[in-house]
Amino acid sequence: MAYDLHITKRKFWFDEDESKVSEADWNELLMKKPELEAVDSIKENGMELTLRNTKIAKWITSTRKNVWFKFSDGNITVSGPDDEAIQKMKEIAAILHAKVQGDDGELY
């Protein structure tokens, strides 16, 4: 199971009663960052995964690796990001006035 990082406005990404990244934030982000392509499903290695109640954007890194940004429950999550993806997450967090936080609550 991959370790996830979250772009969040909450003190802890898993808190439910605090400020969150809104759907309007997500839509504005997609307009500001054309390198993020909104998609309906994740397609890799001949398999396809459609997530319900989640919005997905694909970003292709400099090494041509797909990175999936998943918007759900007031956070934007990336599973197992490498250093390049973490930098992109920090860039996005700054735009949203948010932060990047790991599954265990550590900040990046």
C-alpha atoms as a PDB file:
ATOM      1  CA  MET A   1       0.000   0.000   0.000  1.00  0.00           C
ATOM      2  CA  ALA A   2       1.454   3.358  -1.042  1.00  0.00           C
ATOM      3  CA  TYR A   3       1.966   6.238   1.340  1.00  0.00           C
ATOM      4  CA  ASP A   4      -0.278   9.180   0.480  1.00  0.00           C
ATOM      5  CA  LEU A   5       0.341  12.897   0.646  1.00  0.00           C
ATOM      6  CA  HIS A   6      -2.546  15.332   0.845  1.00  0.00           C
ATOM      7  CA  ILE A   7      -3.007  18.948  -0.158  1.00  0.00           C
ATOM      8  CA  THR A   8      -5.215  20.187   2.647  1.00  0.00           C
ATOM      9  CA  LYS A   9      -6.487  23.308   4.389  1.00  0.00           C
ATOM     10  CA  ARG A  10      -7.233  21.380   7.581  1.00  0.00           C
ATOM     11  CA  LYS A  11      -5.013  21.155  10.650  1.00  0.00           C
ATOM     12  CA  PHE A  12      -4.895  17.416  10.003  1.00  0.00           C
ATOM     13  CA  TRP A  13      -5.949  16.158   6.574  1.00  0.00           C
ATOM     14  CA  PHE A  14      -8.388  13.630   8.053  1.00  0.00           C
ATOM     15  CA  ASP A  15     -10.374  16.137  10.170  1.00  0.00           C
ATOM     16  CA  GLU A  16     -13.913  16.448   8.891  1.00  0.00           C
ATOM     17  CA  ASP A  17     -15.141  19.596  10.621  1.00  0.00           C
ATOM     18  CA  GLU A  18     -12.529  22.072   9.439  1.00  0.00           C
ATOM     19  CA  SER A  19     -11.802  24.139   6.350  1.00  0.00           C
ATOM     20  CA  LYS A  20     -11.412  22.134   3.186  1.00  0.00           C
ATOM     21  CA  VAL A  21     -10.378  22.396  -0.426  1.00  0.00           C
ATOM     22  CA  SER A  22     -13.663  23.094  -2.180  1.00  0.00           C
ATOM     23  CA  GLU A  23     -14.902  21.921  -5.538  1.00  0.00           C
ATOM     24  CA  ALA A  24     -14.623  25.562  -6.684  1.00  0.00           C
ATOM     25  CA  ASP A  25     -10.935  25.499  -5.594  1.00  0.00           C
ATOM     26  CA  TRP A  26     -10.436  22.294  -7.604  1.00  0.00           C
ATOM     27  CA  ASN A  27     -12.087  23.709 -10.722  1.00  0.00           C
ATOM     28  CA  GLU A  28     -10.098  26.957 -10.461  1.00  0.00           C
ATOM     29  CA  LEU A  29      -6.897  24.949 -10.055  1.00  0.00           C
ATOM     30  CA  LEU A  30      -7.603  23.007 -13.247  1.00  0.00           C
ATOM     31  CA  MET A  31      -8.107  26.294 -15.103  1.00  0.00           C
ATOM     32  CA  LYS A  32      -4.849  27.773 -13.754  1.00  0.00           C
ATOM     33  CA  LYS A  33      -2.751  24.636 -14.310  1.00  0.00           C
ATOM     34  CA  PRO A  34      -3.296  23.324 -17.849  1.00  0.00           C
ATOM     35  CA  GLU A  35      -0.695  20.607 -17.207  1.00  0.00           C
ATOM     36  CA  LEU A  36      -3.320  18.954 -14.982  1.00  0.00           C
ATOM     37  CA  GLU A  37      -5.785  17.122 -17.209  1.00  0.00           C
ATOM     38  CA  ALA A  38      -9.162  16.239 -15.701  1.00  0.00           C
ATOM     39  CA  VAL A  39     -10.076  12.608 -16.439  1.00  0.00           C
ATOM     40  CA  ASP A  40     -12.942  10.244 -15.597  1.00  0.00           C
ATOM     41  CA  SER A  41     -10.810   7.243 -14.705  1.00  0.00           C
ATOM     42  CA  ILE A  42      -7.259   6.042 -14.163  1.00  0.00           C
ATOM     43  CA  LYS A  43      -5.921   3.930 -17.028  1.00  0.00           C
ATOM     44  CA  GLU A  44      -2.525   2.272 -16.609  1.00  0.00           C
ATOM     45  CA  ASN A  45      -0.914  -1.020 -17.527  1.00  0.00           C
ATOM     46  CA  GLY A  46      -3.979  -2.172 -19.445  1.00  0.00           C
ATOM     47  CA  MET A  47      -6.266  -1.661 -16.445  1.00  0.00           C
ATOM     48  CA  GLU A  48      -8.900   0.990 -15.822  1.00  0.00           C
ATOM     49  CA  LEU A  49     -10.169   2.247 -12.475  1.00  0.00           C
ATOM     50  CA  THR A  50     -13.144   4.574 -12.123  1.00  0.00           C
ATOM     51  CA  LEU A  51     -13.509   6.198  -8.708  1.00  0.00           C
ATOM     52  CA  ARG A  52     -16.878   7.345  -7.409  1.00  0.00           C
ATOM     53  CA  ASN A  53     -17.244  10.629  -5.509  1.00  0.00           C
ATOM     54  CA  THR A  54     -13.727  11.548  -6.590  1.00  0.00           C
ATOM     55  CA  LYS A  55     -12.448  13.903  -9.236  1.00  0.00           C
ATOM     56  CA  ILE A  56      -9.167  12.949 -10.887  1.00  0.00           C
ATOM     57  CA  ALA A  57      -6.522  14.894 -12.768  1.00  0.00           C
ATOM     58  CA  LYS A  58      -3.525  13.438 -14.558  1.00  0.00           C
ATOM     59  CA  TRP A  59      -0.140  15.166 -14.543  1.00  0.00           C
ATOM     60  CA  ILE A  60       2.696  13.810 -16.646  1.00  0.00           C
ATOM     61  CA  THR A  61       6.112  14.307 -15.054  1.00  0.00           C
ATOM     62  CA  SER A  62       9.328  15.151 -16.885  1.00  0.00           C
ATOM     63  CA  THR A  63      10.086  11.405 -16.960  1.00  0.00           C
ATOM     64  CA  ARG A  64       6.686  10.764 -18.654  1.00  0.00           C
ATOM     65  CA  LYS A  65       5.339   9.066 -15.529  1.00  0.00           C
ATOM     66  CA  ASN A  66       1.633   9.662 -14.807  1.00  0.00           C
ATOM     67  CA  VAL A  67       0.815  11.181 -11.425  1.00  0.00           C
ATOM     68  CA  TRP A  68      -2.823  11.081 -10.372  1.00  0.00           C
ATOM     69  CA  PHE A  69      -4.241  13.941  -8.289  1.00  0.00           C
ATOM     70  CA  LYS A  70      -7.461  12.807  -6.623  1.00  0.00           C
ATOM     71  CA  PHE A  71      -9.897  15.377  -5.206  1.00  0.00           C
ATOM     72  CA  SER A  72     -12.185  13.905  -2.569  1.00  0.00           C
ATOM     73  CA  ASP A  73     -13.522  14.807   0.877  1.00  0.00           C
ATOM     74  CA  GLY A  74     -11.974  18.284   0.836  1.00  0.00           C
ATOM     75  CA  ASN A  75      -8.412  17.173   0.059  1.00  0.00           C
ATOM     76  CA  ILE A  76      -6.287  16.528  -3.008  1.00  0.00           C
ATOM     77  CA  THR A  77      -4.343  13.279  -2.613  1.00  0.00           C
ATOM     78  CA  VAL A  78      -1.421  11.712  -4.453  1.00  0.00           C
ATOM     79  CA  SER A  79      -0.357   8.128  -3.681  1.00  0.00           C
ATOM     80  CA  GLY A  80       3.355   7.432  -3.386  1.00  0.00           C
ATOM     81  CA  PRO A  81       4.597  10.696  -4.917  1.00  0.00           C
ATOM     82  CA  ASP A  82       8.250  11.060  -5.908  1.00  0.00           C
ATOM     83  CA  ASP A  83      10.255  14.257  -5.311  1.00  0.00           C
ATOM     84  CA  GLU A  84       9.049  15.867  -8.543  1.00  0.00           C
ATOM     85  CA  ALA A  85       5.405  15.199  -7.634  1.00  0.00           C
ATOM     86  CA  ILE A  86       5.950  16.544  -4.103  1.00  0.00           C
ATOM     87  CA  GLN A  87       7.289  19.780  -5.595  1.00  0.00           C
ATOM     88  CA  LYS A  88       4.190  20.022  -7.829  1.00  0.00           C
ATOM     89  CA  MET A  89       1.997  19.407  -4.776  1.00  0.00           C
ATOM     90  CA  LYS A  90       3.747  22.243  -2.896  1.00  0.00           C
ATOM     91  CA  GLU A  91       3.196  24.546  -5.880  1.00  0.00           C
ATOM     92  CA  ILE A  92      -0.500  23.661  -5.941  1.00  0.00           C
ATOM     93  CA  ALA A  93      -0.818  24.033  -2.159  1.00  0.00           C
ATOM     94  CA  ALA A  94       0.598  27.569  -2.382  1.00  0.00           C
ATOM     95  CA  ILE A  95      -2.012  28.490  -5.015  1.00  0.00           C
ATOM     96  CA  LEU A  96      -4.799  27.127  -2.775  1.00  0.00           C
ATOM     97  CA  HIS A  97      -3.403  28.635   0.452  1.00  0.00           C
ATOM     98  CA  ALA A  98      -3.089  25.097   1.751  1.00  0.00           C
ATOM     99  CA  LYS A  99      -0.293  22.728   2.819  1.00  0.00           C
ATOM    100  CA  VAL A 100       1.063  19.305   1.917  1.00  0.00           C
ATOM    101  CA  GLN A 101       0.658  16.743   4.684  1.00  0.00           C
ATOM    102  CA  GLY A 102       1.497  13.047   4.850  1.00  0.00           C
ATOM    103  CA  ASP A 103      -0.739  10.254   6.118  1.00  0.00           C
ATOM    104  CA  ASP A 104       0.884  10.538   9.560  1.00  0.00           C
ATOM    105  CA  GLY A 105       0.407  14.330   9.775  1.00  0.00           C
ATOM    106  CA  GLU A 106       3.940  15.428   8.868  1.00  0.00           C
ATOM    107  CA  LEU A 107       4.300  18.568   6.732  1.00  0.00           C
ATOM    108  CA  TYR A 108       6.296  18.857   3.514  1.00  0.00           C
END
